[in-house]
Amino acid sequence: MRRYLDACSAEKDSGLLDYFDVINRSRKIAPAILAAALSACATETVLLNSERIERKFGSYGIDVLESEAGLRRSSLYSLDSGERICRTYAVVRFTEKLDSSYGPQHAKVLAGNSLGEVFKEDGWSIQKQSLYIGAIELPQTTSKISQLMRLRDNHTLALHVYQMRLAKDEHVFEYATIMEAHHPDYLSHENLLEIYNYDEAEALSTESISELISLVLSNNDA
């Protein structure tokens, strides 16, 4: 995470890592209970972000912008007249204790493939536990995110923060905490509330949300 540490002070970075550890501990669900919940929802049709982008815009691709130990930034894009337009800017924080049972899939992810596609193709069930659904303000039109999304004016983007869990053969693993900022033409705040279960009564604290937004926007200078 050398480049990320260069962008943030060591004290701030340590605080963010501690924060993610707290999330992992406090939100942990007994494997048997979670496996049962996933099984009960197995018949529901759930689109991956990549699938939803392709259905809406007719194409899909991914550019890994930065990949360090435990942290990845990527642009999930569609093509418009041959030009790549970022539809989702994603920041992925992998759990510190990765399990060898999905080692081959994780290697594919680190090689630049889409998380959801890799695990779905290999028979894993994916569960997203929403931690926050809200918005993020792009600070300037010359930011990296603005350029990737081809946005010329100031915009408010829908923001989704969730834990990604994997289940297979009655085993459940916490895989990553993911932050996704969506292009205004792709998903709005209202769209996210329609797609995902989210209880505002269990919303993260204002301080935690501010830290997450800072993490998304860090290393965002053009």
Protein backbone atom coordinates (compact mmCIF):
# COMPACT_ATOMS: atom_id res chain seq x y z
CA MET A 1 0.00 0.00 0.00
CA ARG A 2 2.99 2.31 -0.51
CA ARG A 3 1.22 4.81 -2.79
CA TYR A 4 -1.80 4.95 -0.52
CA LEU A 5 0.42 5.59 2.51
CA ASP A 6 2.12 8.39 0.59
CA ALA A 7 -1.28 10.02 0.02
CA CYS A 8 -2.41 9.78 3.65
CA SER A 9 -0.53 10.21 6.89
CA ALA A 10 0.51 7.04 8.70
CA GLU A 11 -1.74 7.96 11.61
CA LYS A 12 -4.81 8.41 9.41
CA ASP A 13 -4.14 5.20 7.47
CA SER A 14 -3.77 3.23 10.71
CA GLY A 15 -7.08 4.62 11.89
CA LEU A 16 -8.82 3.52 8.68
CA LEU A 17 -7.38 0.02 8.92
CA ASP A 18 -8.52 -0.21 12.55
CA TYR A 19 -11.94 0.99 11.48
CA PHE A 20 -12.27 -1.79 8.90
CA ASP A 21 -11.19 -4.32 11.50
CA VAL A 22 -13.97 -3.08 13.80
CA ILE A 23 -16.51 -3.47 10.99
CA ASN A 24 -15.37 -7.03 10.34
CA ARG A 25 -15.66 -7.97 14.01
CA SER A 26 -18.90 -6.19 14.86
CA ARG A 27 -20.77 -7.24 11.69
CA LYS A 28 -19.70 -10.88 11.71
CA ILE A 29 -22.54 -13.38 11.37
CA ALA A 30 -22.39 -17.01 12.41
CA PRO A 31 -21.50 -19.05 9.28
CA ALA A 32 -24.44 -21.44 9.70
CA ILE A 33 -26.93 -18.57 9.94
CA LEU A 34 -25.46 -16.73 6.97
CA ALA A 35 -25.32 -19.90 4.87
CA ALA A 36 -29.00 -20.51 5.58
CA ALA A 37 -29.86 -16.94 4.58
CA LEU A 38 -27.93 -17.25 1.34
CA SER A 39 -29.61 -20.56 0.58
CA ALA A 40 -33.05 -19.03 1.13
CA CYS A 41 -32.24 -16.28 -1.38
CA ALA A 42 -30.63 -18.58 -3.93
CA THR A 43 -33.65 -18.47 -6.25
CA GLU A 44 -33.63 -14.67 -6.50
CA THR A 45 -32.06 -13.12 -9.58
CA VAL A 46 -29.29 -10.79 -8.46
CA LEU A 47 -27.31 -8.92 -11.09
CA LEU A 48 -23.64 -8.28 -10.62
CA ASN A 49 -22.52 -4.70 -11.11
CA SER A 50 -20.72 -5.78 -14.27
CA GLU A 51 -23.88 -7.43 -15.59
CA ARG A 52 -26.00 -4.38 -14.79
CA ILE A 53 -23.58 -2.03 -16.56
CA GLU A 54 -23.53 -4.23 -19.66
CA ARG A 55 -27.33 -4.47 -19.76
CA LYS A 56 -27.77 -0.73 -19.42
CA PHE A 57 -25.01 0.49 -21.72
CA GLY A 58 -24.33 -2.51 -23.98
CA SER A 59 -20.72 -3.10 -22.97
CA TYR A 60 -18.54 -3.59 -19.92
CA GLY A 61 -14.87 -3.59 -19.00
CA ILE A 62 -12.62 -3.01 -16.01
CA ASP A 63 -9.43 -1.02 -15.56
CA VAL A 64 -7.43 -1.63 -12.39
CA LEU A 65 -6.06 1.80 -11.51
CA GLU A 66 -4.09 0.84 -8.43
CA SER A 67 -3.43 -2.46 -6.70
CA GLU A 68 -1.45 -2.72 -3.50
CA ALA A 69 -1.43 -5.28 -0.70
CA GLY A 70 -4.99 -5.31 0.59
CA LEU A 71 -6.30 -2.36 -1.45
CA ARG A 72 -7.49 -1.99 -5.03
CA ARG A 73 -8.95 0.90 -7.01
CA SER A 74 -10.68 0.25 -10.30
CA SER A 75 -12.88 1.78 -12.98
CA LEU A 76 -15.83 -0.27 -14.19
CA TYR A 77 -16.61 1.20 -17.56
CA SER A 78 -18.76 0.99 -20.67
CA LEU A 79 -17.84 2.11 -24.18
CA ASP A 80 -19.38 5.09 -25.96
CA SER A 81 -18.12 5.57 -29.53
CA GLY A 82 -14.99 3.69 -28.49
CA GLU A 83 -14.41 5.91 -25.45
CA ARG A 84 -14.26 4.37 -21.98
CA ILE A 85 -16.67 5.98 -19.51
CA CYS A 86 -16.36 4.98 -15.88
CA ARG A 87 -19.76 3.91 -14.57
CA THR A 88 -18.52 2.79 -11.15
CA TYR A 89 -15.36 3.91 -9.35
CA ALA A 90 -14.62 1.14 -6.85
CA VAL A 91 -12.29 0.97 -3.87
CA VAL A 92 -11.83 -2.53 -2.47
CA ARG A 93 -10.30 -3.25 0.92
CA PHE A 94 -9.61 -7.00 1.17
CA THR A 95 -9.88 -8.72 4.52
CA GLU A 96 -6.51 -9.31 6.16
CA LYS A 97 -7.14 -13.03 6.67
CA LEU A 98 -7.75 -14.46 3.22
CA ASP A 99 -8.68 -18.15 3.06
CA SER A 100 -6.82 -20.63 0.85
CA SER A 101 -10.12 -22.18 -0.30
CA TYR A 102 -10.65 -19.30 -2.71
CA GLY A 103 -6.99 -18.66 -3.41
CA PRO A 104 -7.22 -19.35 -7.17
CA GLN A 105 -10.15 -16.96 -7.53
CA HIS A 106 -8.41 -14.26 -5.52
CA ALA A 107 -5.36 -14.59 -7.77
CA LYS A 108 -7.60 -13.90 -10.78
CA VAL A 109 -9.00 -10.83 -9.02
CA LEU A 110 -5.50 -9.52 -8.33
CA ALA A 111 -4.67 -10.13 -12.00
CA GLY A 112 -7.32 -7.53 -12.92
CA ASN A 113 -10.58 -9.46 -13.25
CA SER A 114 -13.98 -8.46 -11.83
CA LEU A 115 -14.60 -9.77 -8.32
CA GLY A 116 -18.19 -10.82 -8.83
CA GLU A 117 -17.63 -12.45 -12.20
CA VAL A 118 -14.69 -14.53 -10.99
CA PHE A 119 -16.49 -15.98 -7.98
CA LYS A 120 -19.86 -16.42 -9.69
CA GLU A 121 -18.30 -18.32 -12.59
CA ASP A 122 -16.61 -20.68 -10.13
CA GLY A 123 -19.82 -21.49 -8.28
CA TRP A 124 -19.57 -19.18 -5.28
CA SER A 125 -22.62 -17.43 -3.84
CA ILE A 126 -22.14 -13.72 -3.19
CA GLN A 127 -23.79 -11.73 -0.43
CA LYS A 128 -23.56 -7.98 0.00
CA GLN A 129 -24.26 -6.49 3.42
CA SER A 130 -24.86 -2.77 2.96
CA LEU A 131 -23.04 -0.61 5.48
CA TYR A 132 -23.95 2.75 3.95
CA ILE A 133 -25.98 4.13 1.05
CA GLY A 134 -25.59 7.84 0.49
CA ALA A 135 -23.83 10.38 -1.69
CA ILE A 136 -20.40 11.80 -2.36
CA GLU A 137 -19.51 15.24 -3.71
CA LEU A 138 -16.73 15.44 -6.27
CA PRO A 139 -14.53 18.27 -5.03
CA GLN A 140 -13.42 19.51 -8.45
CA THR A 141 -14.13 18.91 -12.11
CA THR A 142 -10.45 18.15 -12.74
CA SER A 143 -10.42 15.19 -10.34
CA LYS A 144 -9.44 11.73 -11.54
CA ILE A 145 -12.96 10.40 -10.95
CA SER A 146 -14.49 13.26 -12.95
CA GLN A 147 -12.13 12.58 -15.84
CA LEU A 148 -12.81 8.84 -15.79
CA MET A 149 -16.57 9.51 -15.80
CA ARG A 150 -16.26 12.29 -18.41
CA LEU A 151 -18.04 14.77 -16.11
CA ARG A 152 -17.37 18.44 -16.77
CA ASP A 153 -19.40 20.07 -13.98
CA ASN A 154 -19.61 19.47 -10.25
CA HIS A 155 -21.66 16.36 -9.49
CA THR A 156 -23.04 14.40 -6.58
CA LEU A 157 -22.50 10.65 -6.99
CA ALA A 158 -24.43 7.86 -5.32
CA LEU A 159 -22.19 5.96 -2.91
CA HIS A 160 -22.61 2.35 -1.78
CA VAL A 161 -20.45 0.79 0.93
CA TYR A 162 -20.86 -2.89 1.68
CA GLN A 163 -19.21 -6.05 2.91
CA MET A 164 -18.82 -8.80 0.34
CA ARG A 165 -19.16 -12.33 1.71
CA LEU A 166 -18.60 -15.61 -0.14
CA ALA A 167 -20.44 -18.88 0.46
CA LYS A 168 -19.85 -22.35 -0.93
CA ASP A 169 -20.47 -25.85 0.42
CA GLU A 170 -21.82 -24.47 3.72
CA HIS A 171 -18.70 -22.39 4.27
CA VAL A 172 -18.94 -18.60 4.53
CA PHE A 173 -16.05 -16.12 4.31
CA GLU A 174 -15.77 -12.37 4.69
CA TYR A 175 -13.86 -11.28 1.60
CA ALA A 176 -13.77 -7.50 1.30
CA THR A 177 -15.26 -4.14 2.20
CA ILE A 178 -16.16 -2.32 -1.01
CA MET A 179 -16.91 1.33 -1.72
CA GLU A 180 -18.57 2.16 -5.05
CA ALA A 181 -19.26 5.65 -6.41
CA HIS A 182 -21.61 5.53 -9.40
CA HIS A 183 -21.90 7.70 -12.51
CA PRO A 184 -25.05 9.92 -12.44
CA ASP A 185 -26.32 8.27 -15.64
CA TYR A 186 -25.92 4.81 -14.14
CA LEU A 187 -27.22 4.55 -10.56
CA SER A 188 -28.74 7.15 -8.26
CA HIS A 189 -29.17 7.13 -4.50
CA GLU A 190 -32.82 6.14 -5.01
CA ASN A 191 -31.80 3.28 -7.34
CA LEU A 192 -29.46 1.86 -4.70
CA LEU A 193 -32.22 1.92 -2.08
CA GLU A 194 -34.47 0.01 -4.48
CA ILE A 195 -31.84 -2.62 -5.25
CA TYR A 196 -30.30 -3.29 -1.83
CA ASN A 197 -31.60 -3.87 1.67
CA TYR A 198 -30.46 -1.01 3.88
CA ASP A 199 -31.61 -0.07 7.36
CA GLU A 200 -30.77 3.55 8.11
CA ALA A 201 -31.27 2.81 11.80
CA GLU A 202 -28.02 0.84 11.60
CA ALA A 203 -26.19 3.51 9.63
CA LEU A 204 -22.52 4.16 10.29
CA SER A 205 -21.53 7.16 12.38
CA THR A 206 -20.92 10.52 10.72
CA GLU A 207 -17.22 10.19 11.52
CA SER A 208 -17.00 6.73 9.93
CA ILE A 209 -18.80 7.90 6.80
CA SER A 210 -16.44 10.87 6.53
CA GLU A 211 -13.44 8.51 6.75
CA LEU A 212 -14.85 6.28 4.01
CA ILE A 213 -15.46 9.24 1.72
CA SER A 214 -11.90 10.44 2.36
CA LEU A 215 -10.62 7.00 1.37
CA VAL A 216 -12.60 7.08 -1.89
CA LEU A 217 -11.36 10.57 -2.75
CA SER A 218 -7.73 10.06 -1.73
CA ASN A 219 -5.25 9.80 -4.63
CA ASN A 220 -7.91 11.57 -6.69
CA ASP A 221 -5.89 14.44 -8.10
CA ALA A 222 -5.76 14.45 -11.88
